């Protein structure tokens, strides 16, 4: 593997962190997304409540093409928890998103 090329795991992590940051910005009406790292607390640091968490899980399922277990809604405290859940999750039945980030055609 070329060390200059991001790995698939790096890509998944970046997409997850971007999705979390975008939702946090939307929830709080900010134009810029906050800095989000794997150890950022979803509730304390980003202020995501249960409704925002439910929306986040739906977005992550679409973005990462996985089915996350319902327990993740109450157990995930950080993006790292979400990443761990996504890595062990069932693939989404609709498959992965397209190269440009578009959802698969139905």
Protein backbone atom coordinates (compact mmCIF):
# COMPACT_ATOMS: atom_id res chain seq x y z
CA UNK A 1 0.00 0.00 0.00
CA UNK A 2 1.26 3.45 -0.88
CA UNK A 3 1.74 5.37 2.41
CA UNK A 4 0.74 8.60 0.66
CA UNK A 5 -2.68 7.20 -0.17
CA UNK A 6 -5.30 7.24 2.60
CA UNK A 7 -6.45 3.81 3.64
CA UNK A 8 -10.06 2.71 3.49
CA UNK A 9 -10.19 3.00 7.30
CA UNK A 10 -8.87 6.57 7.13
CA UNK A 11 -11.56 7.41 4.57
CA UNK A 12 -14.29 5.89 6.74
CA UNK A 13 -13.02 7.77 9.79
CA UNK A 14 -12.89 11.06 7.88
CA UNK A 15 -16.41 10.59 6.53
CA UNK A 16 -17.74 9.76 9.99
CA UNK A 17 -16.08 12.80 11.59
CA UNK A 18 -17.35 15.07 8.80
CA UNK A 19 -20.90 13.76 9.22
CA UNK A 20 -20.78 14.32 12.99
CA UNK A 21 -19.37 17.85 12.58
CA UNK A 22 -21.93 18.82 9.94
CA UNK A 23 -24.84 17.67 12.09
CA UNK A 24 -23.46 19.47 15.16
CA UNK A 25 -23.21 22.68 13.13
CA UNK A 26 -26.79 22.28 11.88
CA UNK A 27 -28.17 21.56 15.34
CA UNK A 28 -26.62 24.71 16.76
CA UNK A 29 -27.11 26.94 13.73
CA UNK A 30 -23.40 27.48 13.07
CA UNK A 31 -22.06 28.15 9.62
CA UNK A 32 -18.83 26.30 10.34
CA UNK A 33 -18.66 22.80 11.65
CA UNK A 34 -16.96 22.40 15.03
CA UNK A 35 -13.68 20.53 15.38
CA UNK A 36 -14.55 16.90 16.00
CA UNK A 37 -12.07 14.20 16.95
CA UNK A 38 -12.58 10.54 17.76
CA UNK A 39 -12.59 11.31 21.49
CA UNK A 40 -15.01 14.26 21.35
CA UNK A 41 -18.03 13.71 23.63
CA UNK A 42 -21.19 13.78 21.55
CA UNK A 43 -23.38 15.10 24.36
CA UNK A 44 -21.06 17.23 26.48
CA UNK A 45 -18.74 18.66 23.80
CA UNK A 46 -21.15 18.86 20.87
CA UNK A 47 -24.45 19.20 22.71
CA UNK A 48 -26.19 16.45 20.75
CA UNK A 49 -29.44 15.35 22.41
CA UNK A 50 -31.31 12.10 21.78
CA UNK A 51 -33.13 13.44 18.72
CA UNK A 52 -29.87 14.67 17.17
CA UNK A 53 -28.28 11.31 17.95
CA UNK A 54 -31.10 9.49 16.15
CA UNK A 55 -30.60 11.74 13.11
CA UNK A 56 -26.84 11.18 13.29
CA UNK A 57 -27.27 7.41 13.22
CA UNK A 58 -29.51 7.63 10.15
CA UNK A 59 -26.96 9.83 8.37
CA UNK A 60 -24.07 7.55 9.32
CA UNK A 61 -25.95 4.48 8.09
CA UNK A 62 -26.43 6.21 4.74
CA UNK A 63 -22.90 7.62 4.56
CA UNK A 64 -21.11 4.41 5.61
CA UNK A 65 -23.58 1.96 4.03
CA UNK A 66 -24.15 0.00 7.24
CA UNK A 67 -26.99 -0.92 9.58
CA UNK A 68 -26.11 0.20 13.10
CA UNK A 69 -27.68 -1.65 16.02
CA UNK A 70 -30.36 0.24 17.97
CA UNK A 71 -28.24 0.05 21.14
CA UNK A 72 -25.75 2.47 19.60
CA UNK A 73 -28.28 5.27 20.12
CA UNK A 74 -27.94 5.01 23.89
CA UNK A 75 -24.42 3.62 24.22
CA UNK A 76 -22.28 5.77 21.89
CA UNK A 77 -20.56 8.60 23.71
CA UNK A 78 -17.87 9.53 21.19
CA UNK A 79 -17.25 9.31 17.44
CA UNK A 80 -14.83 6.46 18.27
CA UNK A 81 -17.79 4.49 19.67
CA UNK A 82 -19.71 5.15 16.46
CA UNK A 83 -16.73 4.08 14.34
CA UNK A 84 -16.35 0.85 16.34
CA UNK A 85 -20.05 0.14 15.87
CA UNK A 86 -19.84 0.85 12.14
CA UNK A 87 -16.86 -1.46 11.71
CA UNK A 88 -18.76 -4.38 13.22
CA UNK A 89 -22.15 -3.47 11.70
CA UNK A 90 -24.09 -5.30 9.05
CA UNK A 91 -23.64 -3.88 5.54
CA UNK A 92 -26.55 -1.74 4.41
CA UNK A 93 -28.80 -3.65 1.99
CA UNK A 94 -28.67 -0.80 -0.55
CA UNK A 95 -24.88 -0.99 -0.76
CA UNK A 96 -22.22 1.67 -0.59
CA UNK A 97 -22.59 5.26 -1.68
CA UNK A 98 -21.22 6.33 -5.04
CA UNK A 99 -17.77 7.74 -5.62
CA UNK A 100 -18.99 11.32 -5.54
CA UNK A 101 -21.00 10.70 -2.37
CA UNK A 102 -24.35 10.25 -4.03
CA UNK A 103 -26.74 7.60 -2.77
CA UNK A 104 -27.19 4.51 -4.93
CA UNK A 105 -29.95 4.61 -7.52
CA UNK A 106 -33.18 2.81 -6.66
